[in-house]
Structures are given as structure tokens and as C-alpha cells.
Amino acid sequence: MNKGELVDAVAKETGQTKADAERALNAVLGNISKGVKKDPVQLVGFGTFKIVKTKARKGINPQTKEAIKIPSKKVLKFKASANPKY
């Protein structure tokens, strides 16, 4: 399911227009994005979004077989709830 299909599904289920459903979805996603920068965002019955820092590591360029350094970075992780309610 892509964002357009999700907007259509929300609009149909709530009886809103597609424009209203898209604004609501954008508000939810925007607030998750803002919130996860400070603390993990936990949606009970759905899952938890959090930012984790990966460690720097060594890798191999598959074309040249040359060793390369992969720097550490921050990535968004999602862990689904053990007992999803939705």
C-alpha cells in the first residue's frame, strides 16, 4: 500500500474527503517525524519508532573487491507490537 492508497482508505473509512484525509495523514506522519527526533514514539498496539546510531564498520566494494570504511550514521527503526490491535 502506498500513501495514495492509504489516503483513499482513510477517507473511505472516516467519511472525509480525500483532501481532509491527506491533511490528517500528513499531520500524523509529521508529528511522528518531529517526536522521534527527541524520544521514541510508541503507538500502543501498533509499534515503536526510534532513532538508533549504527556503528562504523568495514565493507567490501563488490565491483573492485577493495576494502572500504562505512561510517556510523543515525537510522530510523520500527519495531512492531507483539500483539497488534489494528
N, C-alpha and C. Protein backbone atom coordinates (compact mmCIF):
# COMPACT_ATOMS: atom_id res chain seq x y z
N MET A 1 0.85 -1.17 0.00
CA MET A 1 0.00 0.00 0.00
C MET A 1 0.89 1.24 0.00
N ASN A 2 0.62 2.16 -0.88
CA ASN A 2 1.38 3.41 -0.91
C ASN A 2 0.57 4.51 -0.23
N LYS A 3 1.13 5.72 -0.19
CA LYS A 3 0.49 6.81 0.53
C LYS A 3 -0.87 7.17 -0.08
N GLY A 4 -0.96 7.18 -1.39
CA GLY A 4 -2.23 7.50 -2.05
C GLY A 4 -3.32 6.51 -1.71
N GLU A 5 -2.96 5.23 -1.69
CA GLU A 5 -3.93 4.19 -1.32
C GLU A 5 -4.33 4.31 0.14
N LEU A 6 -3.39 4.69 0.99
CA LEU A 6 -3.70 4.88 2.41
C LEU A 6 -4.64 6.06 2.60
N VAL A 7 -4.40 7.15 1.88
CA VAL A 7 -5.30 8.31 1.94
C VAL A 7 -6.70 7.91 1.51
N ASP A 8 -6.82 7.14 0.42
CA ASP A 8 -8.13 6.69 -0.05
C ASP A 8 -8.84 5.84 1.00
N ALA A 9 -8.09 4.93 1.64
CA ALA A 9 -8.67 4.05 2.65
C ALA A 9 -9.15 4.85 3.87
N VAL A 10 -8.35 5.83 4.30
CA VAL A 10 -8.73 6.66 5.45
C VAL A 10 -9.96 7.48 5.11
N ALA A 11 -9.99 8.05 3.92
CA ALA A 11 -11.14 8.85 3.50
C ALA A 11 -12.41 8.01 3.46
N LYS A 12 -12.31 6.82 2.93
CA LYS A 12 -13.48 5.94 2.84
C LYS A 12 -13.96 5.52 4.23
N GLU A 13 -13.03 5.15 5.11
CA GLU A 13 -13.41 4.64 6.43
C GLU A 13 -13.96 5.73 7.35
N THR A 14 -13.46 6.97 7.21
CA THR A 14 -13.89 8.04 8.09
C THR A 14 -14.99 8.91 7.48
N GLY A 15 -15.24 8.78 6.20
CA GLY A 15 -16.25 9.59 5.55
C GLY A 15 -15.77 10.99 5.23
N GLN A 16 -14.46 11.22 5.32
CA GLN A 16 -13.88 12.53 5.00
C GLN A 16 -13.59 12.60 3.50
N THR A 17 -13.30 13.83 3.06
CA THR A 17 -12.84 13.98 1.68
C THR A 17 -11.39 13.50 1.61
N LYS A 18 -10.92 13.24 0.41
CA LYS A 18 -9.53 12.80 0.25
C LYS A 18 -8.57 13.89 0.71
N ALA A 19 -8.91 15.16 0.47
CA ALA A 19 -8.05 16.27 0.89
C ALA A 19 -7.94 16.32 2.42
N ASP A 20 -9.07 16.14 3.11
CA ASP A 20 -9.04 16.14 4.58
C ASP A 20 -8.27 14.93 5.11
N ALA A 21 -8.47 13.78 4.50
CA ALA A 21 -7.75 12.58 4.92
C ALA A 21 -6.25 12.73 4.71
N GLU A 22 -5.86 13.36 3.59
CA GLU A 22 -4.44 13.56 3.32
C GLU A 22 -3.83 14.53 4.33
N ARG A 23 -4.55 15.60 4.68
CA ARG A 23 -4.05 16.54 5.69
C ARG A 23 -3.89 15.84 7.04
N ALA A 24 -4.85 14.99 7.40
CA ALA A 24 -4.76 14.26 8.66
C ALA A 24 -3.57 13.31 8.65
N LEU A 25 -3.38 12.57 7.57
CA LEU A 25 -2.26 11.65 7.46
C LEU A 25 -0.94 12.39 7.52
N ASN A 26 -0.84 13.52 6.80
CA ASN A 26 0.39 14.31 6.83
C ASN A 26 0.67 14.85 8.22
N ALA A 27 -0.38 15.21 8.97
CA ALA A 27 -0.20 15.70 10.34
C ALA A 27 0.34 14.59 11.23
N VAL A 28 -0.20 13.39 11.09
CA VAL A 28 0.26 12.26 11.91
C VAL A 28 1.72 11.93 11.58
N LEU A 29 2.04 11.82 10.31
CA LEU A 29 3.41 11.48 9.92
C LEU A 29 4.39 12.58 10.30
N GLY A 30 3.98 13.82 10.17
CA GLY A 30 4.84 14.94 10.55
C GLY A 30 5.14 14.95 12.03
N ASN A 31 4.11 14.67 12.84
CA ASN A 31 4.32 14.66 14.28
C ASN A 31 5.15 13.46 14.73
N ILE A 32 5.02 12.33 14.05
CA ILE A 32 5.89 11.19 14.35
C ILE A 32 7.33 11.56 14.03
N SER A 33 7.55 12.21 12.88
CA SER A 33 8.91 12.61 12.48
C SER A 33 9.52 13.59 13.48
N LYS A 34 8.74 14.56 13.94
CA LYS A 34 9.24 15.53 14.92
C LYS A 34 9.50 14.86 16.26
N GLY A 35 8.58 14.01 16.69
CA GLY A 35 8.68 13.39 18.00
C GLY A 35 9.83 12.41 18.11
N VAL A 36 10.11 11.66 17.05
CA VAL A 36 11.14 10.63 17.11
C VAL A 36 12.54 11.25 17.20
N LYS A 37 12.67 12.52 16.83
CA LYS A 37 13.96 13.20 16.95
C LYS A 37 14.34 13.40 18.42
N LYS A 38 13.32 13.49 19.29
CA LYS A 38 13.57 13.72 20.72
C LYS A 38 13.56 12.41 21.50
N ASP A 39 12.51 11.63 21.34
CA ASP A 39 12.31 10.39 22.09
C ASP A 39 11.66 9.36 21.17
N PRO A 40 11.72 8.08 21.55
CA PRO A 40 10.99 7.09 20.77
C PRO A 40 9.49 7.40 20.77
N VAL A 41 8.83 7.10 19.66
CA VAL A 41 7.39 7.29 19.55
C VAL A 41 6.75 5.92 19.63
N GLN A 42 5.97 5.69 20.69
CA GLN A 42 5.34 4.39 20.92
C GLN A 42 3.85 4.51 20.69
N LEU A 43 3.34 3.73 19.75
CA LEU A 43 1.91 3.66 19.48
C LEU A 43 1.44 2.29 19.96
N VAL A 44 0.77 2.29 21.11
CA VAL A 44 0.35 1.04 21.75
C VAL A 44 -0.54 0.24 20.79
N GLY A 45 -0.22 -1.02 20.63
CA GLY A 45 -0.97 -1.89 19.74
C GLY A 45 -0.52 -1.82 18.29
N PHE A 46 0.43 -0.94 17.98
CA PHE A 46 0.93 -0.82 16.61
C PHE A 46 2.43 -1.06 16.55
N GLY A 47 3.21 -0.23 17.28
CA GLY A 47 4.66 -0.40 17.28
C GLY A 47 5.37 0.83 17.79
N THR A 48 6.71 0.79 17.72
CA THR A 48 7.55 1.87 18.23
C THR A 48 8.53 2.31 17.16
N PHE A 49 8.63 3.63 16.99
CA PHE A 49 9.60 4.24 16.09
C PHE A 49 10.71 4.83 16.96
N LYS A 50 11.97 4.58 16.60
CA LYS A 50 13.07 5.21 17.32
C LYS A 50 14.27 5.35 16.41
N ILE A 51 15.14 6.30 16.77
CA ILE A 51 16.37 6.52 16.01
C ILE A 51 17.51 5.83 16.75
N VAL A 52 18.28 5.05 16.02
CA VAL A 52 19.45 4.39 16.60
C VAL A 52 20.68 4.76 15.78
N LYS A 53 21.82 4.76 16.43
CA LYS A 53 23.07 5.07 15.74
C LYS A 53 23.79 3.76 15.43
N THR A 54 24.11 3.55 14.16
CA THR A 54 24.83 2.35 13.77
C THR A 54 26.32 2.57 14.01
N LYS A 55 27.04 1.49 14.17
CA LYS A 55 28.49 1.57 14.37
C LYS A 55 29.20 1.67 13.01
N ALA A 56 30.35 2.30 13.04
CA ALA A 56 31.20 2.31 11.84
C ALA A 56 31.70 0.89 11.61
N ARG A 57 31.83 0.52 10.37
CA ARG A 57 32.28 -0.85 10.08
C ARG A 57 33.05 -0.88 8.77
N LYS A 58 33.67 -2.01 8.51
CA LYS A 58 34.39 -2.21 7.26
C LYS A 58 33.50 -2.97 6.29
N GLY A 59 33.59 -2.63 5.02
CA GLY A 59 32.84 -3.31 3.99
C GLY A 59 33.73 -3.60 2.80
N ILE A 60 33.15 -4.19 1.78
CA ILE A 60 33.91 -4.52 0.57
C ILE A 60 33.13 -3.99 -0.63
N ASN A 61 33.81 -3.25 -1.50
CA ASN A 61 33.22 -2.80 -2.75
C ASN A 61 33.06 -4.03 -3.63
N PRO A 62 31.83 -4.40 -4.00
CA PRO A 62 31.64 -5.64 -4.76
C PRO A 62 32.24 -5.61 -6.16
N GLN A 63 32.42 -4.42 -6.73
CA GLN A 63 32.99 -4.36 -8.09
C GLN A 63 34.50 -4.50 -8.08
N THR A 64 35.16 -3.84 -7.12
CA THR A 64 36.62 -3.84 -7.11
C THR A 64 37.20 -4.77 -6.04
N LYS A 65 36.36 -5.28 -5.17
CA LYS A 65 36.78 -6.13 -4.04
C LYS A 65 37.70 -5.40 -3.07
N GLU A 66 37.67 -4.07 -3.14
CA GLU A 66 38.51 -3.24 -2.28
C GLU A 66 37.80 -3.00 -0.95
N ALA A 67 38.57 -3.02 0.14
CA ALA A 67 38.00 -2.75 1.45
C ALA A 67 37.66 -1.27 1.58
N ILE A 68 36.50 -0.98 2.16
CA ILE A 68 36.08 0.40 2.36
C ILE A 68 35.60 0.58 3.80
N LYS A 69 35.63 1.82 4.28
CA LYS A 69 35.12 2.13 5.61
C LYS A 69 33.71 2.68 5.45
N ILE A 70 32.77 2.12 6.21
CA ILE A 70 31.40 2.60 6.22
C ILE A 70 31.21 3.37 7.53
N PRO A 71 30.94 4.68 7.44
CA PRO A 71 30.84 5.48 8.67
C PRO A 71 29.57 5.18 9.45
N SER A 72 29.58 5.55 10.74
CA SER A 72 28.38 5.38 11.54
C SER A 72 27.35 6.40 11.09
N LYS A 73 26.08 6.09 11.32
CA LYS A 73 25.01 7.01 10.95
C LYS A 73 23.78 6.73 11.81
N LYS A 74 22.85 7.67 11.80
CA LYS A 74 21.59 7.50 12.52
C LYS A 74 20.56 6.97 11.53
N VAL A 75 19.81 5.96 11.97
CA VAL A 75 18.76 5.38 11.13
C VAL A 75 17.48 5.23 11.95
N LEU A 76 16.36 5.29 11.27
CA LEU A 76 15.06 5.12 11.91
C LEU A 76 14.73 3.64 11.95
N LYS A 77 14.37 3.16 13.13
CA LYS A 77 13.98 1.75 13.29
C LYS A 77 12.52 1.69 13.71
N PHE A 78 11.82 0.66 13.25
CA PHE A 78 10.44 0.42 13.66
C PHE A 78 10.35 -0.99 14.19
N LYS A 79 9.77 -1.12 15.37
CA LYS A 79 9.55 -2.45 15.94
C LYS A 79 8.06 -2.62 16.11
N ALA A 80 7.49 -3.61 15.45
CA ALA A 80 6.05 -3.86 15.52
C ALA A 80 5.67 -4.36 16.90
N SER A 81 4.45 -4.05 17.29
CA SER A 81 3.95 -4.51 18.58
C SER A 81 3.82 -6.03 18.56
N ALA A 82 4.03 -6.64 19.71
CA ALA A 82 3.92 -8.09 19.82
C ALA A 82 2.48 -8.54 19.63
N ASN A 83 1.54 -7.73 20.07
CA ASN A 83 0.11 -8.05 19.95
C ASN A 83 -0.60 -6.90 19.23
N PRO A 84 -0.49 -6.86 17.91
CA PRO A 84 -1.12 -5.74 17.19
C PRO A 84 -2.63 -5.72 17.36
N LYS A 85 -3.16 -4.52 17.58
CA LYS A 85 -4.60 -4.35 17.76
C LYS A 85 -5.26 -3.85 16.49
N TYR A 86 -4.47 -3.44 15.50
CA TYR A 86 -5.05 -2.84 14.31
C TYR A 86 -4.86 -3.72 13.10
